[in-house]
């Protein structure tokens, strides 16, 4: 009987050892010293692909600059859905898995109303659109927590275990698969992206139509002023009038064209020619002739009476 009882002793001891080993593997690593996420993840070879992508996309720099964060990580065996995407999309997806608050398993199982909307690094970057920068976390019961995109409103990934933590500052939690919103997977879903980067859309602003240059509007040039003989005032028919010397006439100078105006000076569509007015000097020339004639007549008369 004693030997029979002794034969059963190794089994409980074996079970106890297995439980202790499982607990040892499941216990999260307490982060001390360096807070560099690359250094922390180097302790877990099965997350090497994700660790490398965090460095390549420079998301690790944003993570290390934060004081309080939670990182949802996926093992190499379940990360193919991320590695098949372009690098700019990988950056968006990875930043979606960085929550700007501290969440461990205990906090996730005690969410108000059993569900919560978690703000991520992707949302804080300003590149998110609609709600694809948020993650839904829901306690579905029996200690099981599911995550998914708030935009798609679907719970697609399970919380597996805690990997490492520094309470209330850093928490690294393993999940079953990557959370990839449908709008990001299709290559869109971000503000100000040209496929993503914020340089603007492909349309360009319409260029204003240049104003017409001066002198090409079709406005007719003014006719030149006629020369002296055609525009001079008629001579007086008085017999006492002595013709004024030819030099008193205003010289028939070269005709002066009226400057051509800009398109704004002449009414659009006008067909009338613009004629420069006659110079007023022509009228004063006729008056001067009459004055000279009267002066000569007066001088002749005075000389005549003086001779008597």
C-alpha atoms as a PDB file:
ATOM      1  CA  UNK A   1       0.000   0.000   0.000  1.00  0.00           C
ATOM      2  CA  UNK A   2       2.787   2.341   0.902  1.00  0.00           C
ATOM      3  CA  UNK A   3       4.544   1.533  -2.312  1.00  0.00           C
ATOM      4  CA  UNK A   4       1.317   2.219  -4.153  1.00  0.00           C
ATOM      5  CA  UNK A   5       1.042   5.657  -2.577  1.00  0.00           C
ATOM      6  CA  UNK A   6       4.690   6.331  -3.369  1.00  0.00           C
ATOM      7  CA  UNK A   7       4.051   5.466  -6.993  1.00  0.00           C
ATOM      8  CA  UNK A   8       1.599   8.364  -7.212  1.00  0.00           C
ATOM      9  CA  UNK A   9       3.911  10.941  -5.651  1.00  0.00           C
ATOM     10  CA  UNK A  10       5.876  11.815  -8.799  1.00  0.00           C
ATOM     11  CA  UNK A  11       2.702  12.800 -10.695  1.00  0.00           C
ATOM     12  CA  UNK A  12       1.639  15.652  -8.376  1.00  0.00           C
ATOM     13  CA  UNK A  13       5.198  16.822  -8.203  1.00  0.00           C
ATOM     14  CA  UNK A  14       5.410  16.800 -11.981  1.00  0.00           C
ATOM     15  CA  UNK A  15       2.185  18.764 -12.282  1.00  0.00           C
ATOM     16  CA  UNK A  16       3.450  21.255  -9.761  1.00  0.00           C
ATOM     17  CA  UNK A  17       6.651  21.711 -11.697  1.00  0.00           C
ATOM     18  CA  UNK A  18       4.711  22.212 -14.919  1.00  0.00           C
ATOM     19  CA  UNK A  19       2.496  24.827 -13.296  1.00  0.00           C
ATOM     20  CA  UNK A  20       5.509  26.647 -11.929  1.00  0.00           C
ATOM     21  CA  UNK A  21       7.197  26.592 -15.322  1.00  0.00           C
ATOM     22  CA  UNK A  22       4.059  27.886 -17.054  1.00  0.00           C
ATOM     23  CA  UNK A  23       3.664  30.656 -14.507  1.00  0.00           C
ATOM     24  CA  UNK A  24       7.299  31.589 -14.943  1.00  0.00           C
ATOM     25  CA  UNK A  25       6.873  31.840 -18.720  1.00  0.00           C
ATOM     26  CA  UNK A  26       3.629  33.815 -18.434  1.00  0.00           C
ATOM     27  CA  UNK A  27       4.865  36.324 -15.895  1.00  0.00           C
ATOM     28  CA  UNK A  28       5.571  39.682 -17.571  1.00  0.00           C
ATOM     29  CA  UNK A  29       9.066  41.084 -17.471  1.00  0.00           C
ATOM     30  CA  UNK A  30       9.453  44.046 -15.185  1.00  0.00           C
ATOM     31  CA  UNK A  31      11.095  46.831 -17.193  1.00  0.00           C
ATOM     32  CA  UNK A  32      13.993  48.380 -15.310  1.00  0.00           C
ATOM     33  CA  UNK A  33      16.820  50.556 -16.495  1.00  0.00           C
ATOM     34  CA  UNK A  34      16.519  51.427 -20.194  1.00  0.00           C
ATOM     35  CA  UNK A  35      13.034  52.261 -21.439  1.00  0.00           C
ATOM     36  CA  UNK A  36      14.057  51.819 -25.061  1.00  0.00           C
ATOM     37  CA  UNK A  37      11.418  49.611 -26.654  1.00  0.00           C
ATOM     38  CA  UNK A  38      13.884  47.999 -29.055  1.00  0.00           C
ATOM     39  CA  UNK A  39      16.046  46.936 -26.120  1.00  0.00           C
ATOM     40  CA  UNK A  40      13.043  45.549 -24.246  1.00  0.00           C
ATOM     41  CA  UNK A  41      11.725  43.581 -27.239  1.00  0.00           C
ATOM     42  CA  UNK A  42      15.172  42.137 -27.929  1.00  0.00           C
ATOM     43  CA  UNK A  43      14.516  39.874 -24.928  1.00  0.00           C
ATOM     44  CA  UNK A  44      11.699  38.176 -26.898  1.00  0.00           C
ATOM     45  CA  UNK A  45      12.963  36.534 -30.111  1.00  0.00           C
ATOM     46  CA  UNK A  46       9.457  35.633 -31.276  1.00  0.00           C
ATOM     47  CA  UNK A  47       8.714  39.382 -31.726  1.00  0.00           C
ATOM     48  CA  UNK A  48      11.834  40.095 -33.790  1.00  0.00           C
ATOM     49  CA  UNK A  49       9.948  40.937 -37.008  1.00  0.00           C
ATOM     50  CA  UNK A  50       7.744  43.505 -35.320  1.00  0.00           C
ATOM     51  CA  UNK A  51      10.754  44.924 -33.477  1.00  0.00           C
ATOM     52  CA  UNK A  52      12.595  45.357 -36.789  1.00  0.00           C
ATOM     53  CA  UNK A  53       9.598  47.051 -38.445  1.00  0.00           C
ATOM     54  CA  UNK A  54       9.247  49.481 -35.546  1.00  0.00           C
ATOM     55  CA  UNK A  55      12.819  50.591 -36.229  1.00  0.00           C
ATOM     56  CA  UNK A  56      12.508  50.699 -40.033  1.00  0.00           C
ATOM     57  CA  UNK A  57       9.348  52.825 -39.960  1.00  0.00           C
ATOM     58  CA  UNK A  58      10.777  55.072 -37.196  1.00  0.00           C
ATOM     59  CA  UNK A  59       7.715  54.461 -35.030  1.00  0.00           C
ATOM     60  CA  UNK A  60      10.115  53.404 -32.266  1.00  0.00           C
ATOM     61  CA  UNK A  61      11.335  57.016 -31.996  1.00  0.00           C
ATOM     62  CA  UNK A  62       7.791  58.234 -31.320  1.00  0.00           C
ATOM     63  CA  UNK A  63       7.294  55.453 -28.772  1.00  0.00           C
ATOM     64  CA  UNK A  64      10.471  56.281 -26.873  1.00  0.00           C
ATOM     65  CA  UNK A  65       9.521  59.964 -26.733  1.00  0.00           C
ATOM     66  CA  UNK A  66       6.311  59.158 -24.810  1.00  0.00           C
ATOM     67  CA  UNK A  67       6.103  58.893 -21.049  1.00  0.00           C
ATOM     68  CA  UNK A  68       2.973  56.707 -20.784  1.00  0.00           C
ATOM     69  CA  UNK A  69       2.151  54.109 -23.455  1.00  0.00           C
ATOM     70  CA  UNK A  70       0.745  50.656 -24.142  1.00  0.00           C
ATOM     71  CA  UNK A  71       2.057  48.648 -27.101  1.00  0.00           C
ATOM     72  CA  UNK A  72       0.062  45.794 -28.611  1.00  0.00           C
ATOM     73  CA  UNK A  73       2.519  43.353 -30.210  1.00  0.00           C
ATOM     74  CA  UNK A  74       2.053  40.342 -32.489  1.00  0.00           C
ATOM     75  CA  UNK A  75       4.330  37.295 -32.716  1.00  0.00           C
ATOM     76  CA  UNK A  76       6.273  36.559 -35.890  1.00  0.00           C
ATOM     77  CA  UNK A  77       3.941  33.657 -36.680  1.00  0.00           C
ATOM     78  CA  UNK A  78       0.940  36.008 -37.022  1.00  0.00           C
ATOM     79  CA  UNK A  79       2.474  39.117 -38.584  1.00  0.00           C
ATOM     80  CA  UNK A  80       2.285  38.258 -42.298  1.00  0.00           C
ATOM     81  CA  UNK A  81      -0.753  40.521 -42.740  1.00  0.00           C
ATOM     82  CA  UNK A  82       1.521  43.470 -41.872  1.00  0.00           C
ATOM     83  CA  UNK A  83       4.695  42.506 -43.752  1.00  0.00           C
ATOM     84  CA  UNK A  84       2.783  42.263 -47.041  1.00  0.00           C
ATOM     85  CA  UNK A  85       1.807  45.958 -46.900  1.00  0.00           C
ATOM     86  CA  UNK A  86       3.785  48.961 -48.274  1.00  0.00           C
ATOM     87  CA  UNK A  87       6.120  50.646 -45.799  1.00  0.00           C
ATOM     88  CA  UNK A  88       3.997  53.798 -45.452  1.00  0.00           C
ATOM     89  CA  UNK A  89       0.946  51.684 -44.603  1.00  0.00           C
ATOM     90  CA  UNK A  90       3.033  49.616 -42.161  1.00  0.00           C
ATOM     91  CA  UNK A  91       3.908  52.838 -40.349  1.00  0.00           C
ATOM     92  CA  UNK A  92       0.232  53.755 -39.944  1.00  0.00           C
ATOM     93  CA  UNK A  93      -0.715  50.275 -38.728  1.00  0.00           C
ATOM     94  CA  UNK A  94       2.149  50.094 -36.221  1.00  0.00           C
ATOM     95  CA  UNK A  95       1.322  53.534 -34.811  1.00  0.00           C
ATOM     96  CA  UNK A  96      -2.276  52.327 -34.422  1.00  0.00           C
ATOM     97  CA  UNK A  97      -0.982  49.638 -32.036  1.00  0.00           C
ATOM     98  CA  UNK A  98       0.550  52.209 -29.679  1.00  0.00           C
ATOM     99  CA  UNK A  99      -2.029  53.467 -27.151  1.00  0.00           C
ATOM    100  CA  UNK A 100      -1.380  56.783 -25.408  1.00  0.00           C
ATOM    101  CA  UNK A 101      -2.232  55.476 -21.932  1.00  0.00           C
ATOM    102  CA  UNK A 102      -1.247  52.656 -19.619  1.00  0.00           C
ATOM    103  CA  UNK A 103      -3.320  49.453 -19.943  1.00  0.00           C
ATOM    104  CA  UNK A 104      -2.454  46.126 -18.375  1.00  0.00           C
ATOM    105  CA  UNK A 105      -4.691  43.049 -18.222  1.00  0.00           C
ATOM    106  CA  UNK A 106      -6.239  44.145 -14.967  1.00  0.00           C
ATOM    107  CA  UNK A 107      -7.217  47.562 -16.331  1.00  0.00           C
ATOM    108  CA  UNK A 108      -8.558  46.084 -19.572  1.00  0.00           C
ATOM    109  CA  UNK A 109     -10.832  43.706 -17.653  1.00  0.00           C
ATOM    110  CA  UNK A 110     -12.247  46.584 -15.620  1.00  0.00           C
ATOM    111  CA  UNK A 111     -13.262  49.002 -18.353  1.00  0.00           C
ATOM    112  CA  UNK A 112     -16.324  51.167 -17.633  1.00  0.00           C
ATOM    113  CA  UNK A 113     -19.372  49.498 -19.193  1.00  0.00           C
ATOM    114  CA  UNK A 114     -16.994  46.643 -20.204  1.00  0.00           C
ATOM    115  CA  UNK A 115     -15.873  48.550 -23.306  1.00  0.00           C
ATOM    116  CA  UNK A 116     -13.655  51.477 -24.154  1.00  0.00           C
ATOM    117  CA  UNK A 117     -12.288  53.479 -27.074  1.00  0.00           C
ATOM    118  CA  UNK A 118      -8.501  53.790 -26.878  1.00  0.00           C
ATOM    119  CA  UNK A 119      -6.634  56.749 -28.414  1.00  0.00           C
ATOM    120  CA  UNK A 120      -3.548  55.729 -30.384  1.00  0.00           C
ATOM    121  CA  UNK A 121      -0.347  57.274 -31.685  1.00  0.00           C
ATOM    122  CA  UNK A 122      -1.834  57.195 -35.189  1.00  0.00           C
ATOM    123  CA  UNK A 123      -4.717  59.392 -34.037  1.00  0.00           C
ATOM    124  CA  UNK A 124      -2.290  61.832 -32.382  1.00  0.00           C
ATOM    125  CA  UNK A 125      -0.212  62.076 -35.578  1.00  0.00           C
ATOM    126  CA  UNK A 126      -3.004  63.985 -37.341  1.00  0.00           C
ATOM    127  CA  UNK A 127      -3.018  61.501 -40.243  1.00  0.00           C
ATOM    128  CA  UNK A 128      -6.056  59.537 -39.096  1.00  0.00           C
ATOM    129  CA  UNK A 129      -9.451  60.003 -40.727  1.00  0.00           C
ATOM    130  CA  UNK A 130     -12.888  59.398 -39.291  1.00  0.00           C
ATOM    131  CA  UNK A 131     -12.351  56.917 -36.419  1.00  0.00           C
ATOM    132  CA  UNK A 132      -9.541  54.766 -37.805  1.00  0.00           C
ATOM    133  CA  UNK A 133      -7.160  56.221 -35.222  1.00  0.00           C
ATOM    134  CA  UNK A 134      -9.024  54.560 -32.331  1.00  0.00           C
ATOM    135  CA  UNK A 135      -9.134  50.979 -31.028  1.00  0.00           C
ATOM    136  CA  UNK A 136     -12.180  49.416 -29.402  1.00  0.00           C
ATOM    137  CA  UNK A 137     -11.444  47.228 -26.362  1.00  0.00           C
ATOM    138  CA  UNK A 138     -14.257  45.062 -24.997  1.00  0.00           C
ATOM    139  CA  UNK A 139     -14.419  42.603 -22.110  1.00  0.00           C
ATOM    140  CA  UNK A 140     -16.553  39.786 -23.525  1.00  0.00           C
ATOM    141  CA  UNK A 141     -16.588  37.833 -20.266  1.00  0.00           C
ATOM    142  CA  UNK A 142     -14.649  34.995 -18.653  1.00  0.00           C
ATOM    143  CA  UNK A 143     -11.580  37.216 -18.558  1.00  0.00           C
ATOM    144  CA  UNK A 144     -11.439  37.417 -22.350  1.00  0.00           C
ATOM    145  CA  UNK A 145     -10.720  40.801 -23.955  1.00  0.00           C
ATOM    146  CA  UNK A 146     -11.170  41.519 -27.653  1.00  0.00           C
ATOM    147  CA  UNK A 147      -9.826  44.424 -29.689  1.00  0.00           C
ATOM    148  CA  UNK A 148     -10.712  45.909 -33.062  1.00  0.00           C
ATOM    149  CA  UNK A 149     -10.806  49.036 -35.200  1.00  0.00           C
ATOM    150  CA  UNK A 150     -13.295  51.648 -33.985  1.00  0.00           C
ATOM    151  CA  UNK A 151     -13.891  52.602 -37.615  1.00  0.00           C
ATOM    152  CA  UNK A 152     -14.913  49.099 -38.720  1.00  0.00           C
ATOM    153  CA  UNK A 153     -16.703  48.435 -35.419  1.00  0.00           C
ATOM    154  CA  UNK A 154     -15.478  44.829 -35.377  1.00  0.00           C
ATOM    155  CA  UNK A 155     -13.540  42.938 -32.683  1.00  0.00           C
ATOM    156  CA  UNK A 156     -10.917  41.009 -34.645  1.00  0.00           C
ATOM    157  CA  UNK A 157      -8.057  40.347 -32.203  1.00  0.00           C
ATOM    158  CA  UNK A 158      -7.745  38.712 -28.769  1.00  0.00           C
ATOM    159  CA  UNK A 159      -5.559  39.842 -25.887  1.00  0.00           C
ATOM    160  CA  UNK A 160      -3.141  36.957 -25.221  1.00  0.00           C
ATOM    161  CA  UNK A 161      -0.883  37.965 -22.332  1.00  0.00           C
ATOM    162  CA  UNK A 162       1.271  40.668 -20.830  1.00  0.00           C
ATOM    163  CA  UNK A 163       4.870  40.658 -22.103  1.00  0.00           C
ATOM    164  CA  UNK A 164       6.574  43.388 -20.122  1.00  0.00           C
ATOM    165  CA  UNK A 165       5.607  46.343 -18.000  1.00  0.00           C
ATOM    166  CA  UNK A 166       6.725  49.249 -15.936  1.00  0.00           C
ATOM    167  CA  UNK A 167       3.556  49.949 -13.937  1.00  0.00           C
ATOM    168  CA  UNK A 168       1.659  53.044 -14.964  1.00  0.00           C
ATOM    169  CA  UNK A 169       4.271  54.010 -17.573  1.00  0.00           C
ATOM    170  CA  UNK A 170       4.907  51.207 -20.083  1.00  0.00           C
ATOM    171  CA  UNK A 171       2.855  48.125 -20.879  1.00  0.00           C
ATOM    172  CA  UNK A 172       3.590  45.639 -23.673  1.00  0.00           C
ATOM    173  CA  UNK A 173       0.679  43.297 -24.379  1.00  0.00           C
ATOM    174  CA  UNK A 174       0.587  40.439 -26.893  1.00  0.00           C
ATOM    175  CA  UNK A 175      -2.493  40.148 -29.117  1.00  0.00           C
ATOM    176  CA  UNK A 176      -3.493  37.375 -31.521  1.00  0.00           C
ATOM    177  CA  UNK A 177      -3.354  39.342 -34.804  1.00  0.00           C
ATOM    178  CA  UNK A 178      -2.749  42.797 -36.234  1.00  0.00           C
ATOM    179  CA  UNK A 179      -5.604  45.312 -36.255  1.00  0.00           C
ATOM    180  CA  UNK A 180      -5.769  46.818 -39.753  1.00  0.00           C
ATOM    181  CA  UNK A 181      -8.725  49.150 -40.501  1.00  0.00           C
ATOM    182  CA  UNK A 182     -10.197  48.571 -43.950  1.00  0.00           C
ATOM    183  CA  UNK A 183      -9.623  52.203 -44.977  1.00  0.00           C
ATOM    184  CA  UNK A 184      -5.883  51.928 -44.228  1.00  0.00           C
ATOM    185  CA  UNK A 185      -5.536  48.519 -45.881  1.00  0.00           C
ATOM    186  CA  UNK A 186      -7.014  49.955 -49.094  1.00  0.00           C
ATOM    187  CA  UNK A 187      -4.347  52.667 -49.172  1.00  0.00           C
ATOM    188  CA  UNK A 188      -6.547  55.589 -48.070  1.00  0.00           C
ATOM    189  CA  UNK A 189      -8.039  56.651 -44.783  1.00  0.00           C
ATOM    190  CA  UNK A 190      -5.638  59.409 -43.831  1.00  0.00           C
ATOM    191  CA  UNK A 191      -5.873  63.197 -43.875  1.00  0.00           C
ATOM    192  CA  UNK A 192      -3.709  65.190 -46.298  1.00  0.00           C
ATOM    193  CA  UNK A 193      -2.247  62.130 -47.967  1.00  0.00           C
ATOM    194  CA  UNK A 194      -0.996  61.777 -51.471  1.00  0.00           C
ATOM    195  CA  UNK A 195      -1.117  58.134 -50.689  1.00  0.00           C
ATOM    196  CA  UNK A 196      -0.677  59.075 -47.333  1.00  0.00           C
ATOM    197  CA  UNK A 197       1.789  61.734 -46.785  1.00  0.00           C
ATOM    198  CA  UNK A 198       0.266  65.106 -46.355  1.00  0.00           C
ATOM    199  CA  UNK A 199       1.320  66.881 -49.370  1.00  0.00           C
ATOM    200  CA  UNK A 200      -2.153  67.483 -50.769  1.00  0.00           C
ATOM    201  CA  UNK A 201      -4.374  66.199 -53.538  1.00  0.00           C
ATOM    202  CA  UNK A 202      -3.495  65.918 -57.199  1.00  0.00           C
ATOM    203  CA  UNK A 203      -5.633  68.886 -58.244  1.00  0.00           C
ATOM    204  CA  UNK A 204      -3.971  72.239 -58.688  1.00  0.00           C
ATOM    205  CA  UNK A 205      -5.394  75.715 -58.233  1.00  0.00           C
ATOM    206  CA  UNK A 206      -6.723  77.304 -61.430  1.00  0.00           C
ATOM    207  CA  UNK A 207      -4.452  80.007 -62.820  1.00  0.00           C
ATOM    208  CA  UNK A 208      -6.121  83.389 -63.406  1.00  0.00           C
ATOM    209  CA  UNK A 209      -6.456  84.534 -67.032  1.00  0.00           C
ATOM    210  CA  UNK A 210      -3.842  87.235 -67.681  1.00  0.00           C
ATOM    211  CA  UNK A 211      -5.138  90.734 -68.406  1.00  0.00           C
ATOM    212  CA  UNK A 212      -4.781  91.853 -72.050  1.00  0.00           C
ATOM    213  CA  UNK A 213      -1.717  93.936 -72.798  1.00  0.00           C
ATOM    214  CA  UNK A 214      -2.110  97.634 -73.529  1.00  0.00           C
ATOM    215  CA  UNK A 215      -2.414  98.577 -77.181  1.00  0.00           C
ATOM    216  CA  UNK A 216      -3.884  95.235 -78.320  1.00  0.00           C
ATOM    217  CA  UNK A 217      -7.531  95.842 -77.544  1.00  0.00           C
ATOM    218  CA  UNK A 218      -8.439  96.944 -81.054  1.00  0.00           C
ATOM    219  CA  UNK A 219      -9.255 100.570 -80.135  1.00  0.00           C
ATOM    220  CA  UNK A 220      -8.635 102.762 -83.261  1.00  0.00           C
ATOM    221  CA  UNK A 221      -5.926 105.369 -83.243  1.00  0.00           C
ATOM    222  CA  UNK A 222      -6.957 109.032 -83.371  1.00  0.00           C
ATOM    223  CA  UNK A 223      -6.796 110.810 -86.711  1.00  0.00           C
ATOM    224  CA  UNK A 224      -4.037 113.420 -87.059  1.00  0.00           C
ATOM    225  CA  UNK A 225      -4.917 117.097 -86.845  1.00  0.00           C
ATOM    226  CA  UNK A 226      -5.367 118.598 -90.360  1.00  0.00           C
ATOM    227  CA  UNK A 227      -2.667 121.002 -91.569  1.00  0.00           C
ATOM    228  CA  UNK A 228      -3.027 124.811 -91.623  1.00  0.00           C
ATOM    229  CA  UNK A 229      -4.787 125.715 -94.858  1.00  0.00           C
ATOM    230  CA  UNK A 230      -7.731 123.387 -94.404  1.00  0.00           C
ATOM    231  CA  UNK A 231      -8.438 124.331 -90.810  1.00  0.00           C
ATOM    232  CA  UNK A 232      -7.638 128.082 -90.869  1.00  0.00           C
ATOM    233  CA  UNK A 233     -10.477 130.547 -90.267  1.00  0.00           C
ATOM    234  CA  UNK A 234     -11.713 132.379 -93.429  1.00  0.00           C
ATOM    235  CA  UNK A 235     -10.138 135.756 -94.158  1.00  0.00           C
ATOM    236  CA  UNK A 236     -12.139 138.956 -93.658  1.00  0.00           C
ATOM    237  CA  UNK A 237     -13.698 140.522 -96.784  1.00  0.00           C
ATOM    238  CA  UNK A 238     -13.169 144.070 -95.519  1.00  0.00           C
ATOM    239  CA  UNK A 239     -11.285 146.273 -97.968  1.00  0.00           C
ATOM    240  CA  UNK A 240      -9.434 147.968 -95.121  1.00  0.00           C
ATOM    241  CA  UNK A 241      -7.930 144.744 -93.857  1.00  0.00           C
ATOM    242  CA  UNK A 242      -4.337 144.152 -94.729  1.00  0.00           C
ATOM    243  CA  UNK A 243      -3.431 140.492 -94.822  1.00  0.00           C
ATOM    244  CA  UNK A 244      -1.321 139.504 -91.900  1.00  0.00           C
ATOM    245  CA  UNK A 245       2.117 138.179 -92.649  1.00  0.00           C
ATOM    246  CA  UNK A 246       2.295 134.500 -93.282  1.00  0.00           C
ATOM    247  CA  UNK A 247       4.538 134.133 -90.276  1.00  0.00           C
ATOM    248  CA  UNK A 248       1.649 134.975 -87.965  1.00  0.00           C
ATOM    249  CA  UNK A 249      -0.109 131.764 -88.875  1.00  0.00           C
ATOM    250  CA  UNK A 250       0.473 128.953 -86.461  1.00  0.00           C
ATOM    251  CA  UNK A 251       3.037 126.699 -88.101  1.00  0.00           C
ATOM    252  CA  UNK A 252       1.648 123.606 -89.579  1.00  0.00           C
ATOM    253  CA  UNK A 253       3.658 121.242 -87.435  1.00  0.00           C
ATOM    254  CA  UNK A 254       3.612 117.539 -87.682  1.00  0.00           C
ATOM    255  CA  UNK A 255       0.373 115.970 -86.755  1.00  0.00           C
ATOM    256  CA  UNK A 256       0.337 114.636 -83.222  1.00  0.00           C
ATOM    257  CA  UNK A 257      -1.352 111.308 -82.714  1.00  0.00           C
ATOM    258  CA  UNK A 258      -3.520 110.864 -79.692  1.00  0.00           C
ATOM    259  CA  UNK A 259      -1.850 108.204 -77.507  1.00  0.00           C
ATOM    260  CA  UNK A 260      -3.423 104.839 -77.825  1.00  0.00           C
ATOM    261  CA  UNK A 261      -5.221 104.030 -74.559  1.00  0.00           C
ATOM    262  CA  UNK A 262      -5.268 100.785 -72.737  1.00  0.00           C
ATOM    263  CA  UNK A 263      -8.118  98.352 -73.020  1.00  0.00           C
ATOM    264  CA  UNK A 264      -9.727  99.974 -70.022  1.00  0.00           C
ATOM    265  CA  UNK A 265      -9.680 103.532 -71.637  1.00  0.00           C
ATOM    266  CA  UNK A 266     -11.891 102.756 -74.596  1.00  0.00           C
ATOM    267  CA  UNK A 267     -15.360 101.211 -74.227  1.00  0.00           C
ATOM    268  CA  UNK A 268     -15.421  97.602 -75.337  1.00  0.00           C
ATOM    269  CA  UNK A 269     -16.962  97.127 -78.759  1.00  0.00           C
ATOM    270  CA  UNK A 270     -16.885 100.822 -79.777  1.00  0.00           C
ATOM    271  CA  UNK A 271     -16.579 101.353 -83.551  1.00  0.00           C
ATOM    272  CA  UNK A 272     -16.369 105.184 -83.579  1.00  0.00           C
ATOM    273  CA  UNK A 273     -13.038 106.781 -84.312  1.00  0.00           C
ATOM    274  CA  UNK A 274     -11.548 109.077 -81.711  1.00  0.00           C
ATOM    275  CA  UNK A 275     -10.729 112.447 -83.356  1.00  0.00           C
ATOM    276  CA  UNK A 276      -8.496 114.956 -81.619  1.00  0.00           C
ATOM    277  CA  UNK A 277     -10.092 118.445 -81.329  1.00  0.00           C
ATOM    278  CA  UNK A 278      -8.675 121.270 -83.442  1.00  0.00           C
ATOM    279  CA  UNK A 279      -6.076 123.358 -81.704  1.00  0.00           C
ATOM    280  CA  UNK A 280      -7.473 126.677 -80.441  1.00  0.00           C
ATOM    281  CA  UNK A 281      -4.425 128.481 -81.894  1.00  0.00           C
ATOM    282  CA  UNK A 282      -6.173 128.630 -85.299  1.00  0.00           C
ATOM    283  CA  UNK A 283      -8.912 130.957 -83.981  1.00  0.00           C
ATOM    284  CA  UNK A 284      -6.401 133.268 -82.334  1.00  0.00           C
ATOM    285  CA  UNK A 285      -4.519 133.479 -85.682  1.00  0.00           C
ATOM    286  CA  UNK A 286      -7.594 135.002 -87.411  1.00  0.00           C
ATOM    287  CA  UNK A 287      -8.094 137.496 -84.592  1.00  0.00           C
ATOM    288  CA  UNK A 288      -4.465 138.552 -84.792  1.00  0.00           C
ATOM    289  CA  UNK A 289      -4.827 139.232 -88.504  1.00  0.00           C
ATOM    290  CA  UNK A 290      -7.774 141.550 -87.874  1.00  0.00           C
ATOM    291  CA  UNK A 291      -5.896 143.359 -85.104  1.00  0.00           C
ATOM    292  CA  UNK A 292      -2.835 143.909 -87.293  1.00  0.00           C
ATOM    293  CA  UNK A 293      -4.999 145.217 -90.125  1.00  0.00           C
ATOM    294  CA  UNK A 294      -6.764 147.708 -87.853  1.00  0.00           C
ATOM    295  CA  UNK A 295      -3.407 148.847 -86.478  1.00  0.00           C
ATOM    296  CA  UNK A 296      -1.979 149.470 -89.947  1.00  0.00           C
ATOM    297  CA  UNK A 297      -5.108 151.360 -91.025  1.00  0.00           C
ATOM    298  CA  UNK A 298      -4.920 153.568 -87.938  1.00  0.00           C
ATOM    299  CA  UNK A 299      -1.234 154.313 -88.597  1.00  0.00           C
ATOM    300  CA  UNK A 300      -1.922 155.232 -92.253  1.00  0.00           C
ATOM    301  CA  UNK A 301      -4.785 157.484 -91.207  1.00  0.00           C
ATOM    302  CA  UNK A 302      -2.681 159.261 -88.596  1.00  0.00           C
ATOM    303  CA  UNK A 303       0.118 159.850 -91.110  1.00  0.00           C
ATOM    304  CA  UNK A 304      -2.385 161.190 -93.616  1.00  0.00           C
ATOM    305  CA  UNK A 305      -3.824 163.740 -91.212  1.00  0.00           C
ATOM    306  CA  UNK A 306      -0.354 164.741 -90.045  1.00  0.00           C
ATOM    307  CA  UNK A 307       0.622 165.582 -93.606  1.00  0.00           C
ATOM    308  CA  UNK A 308      -2.300 168.027 -94.005  1.00  0.00           C
END
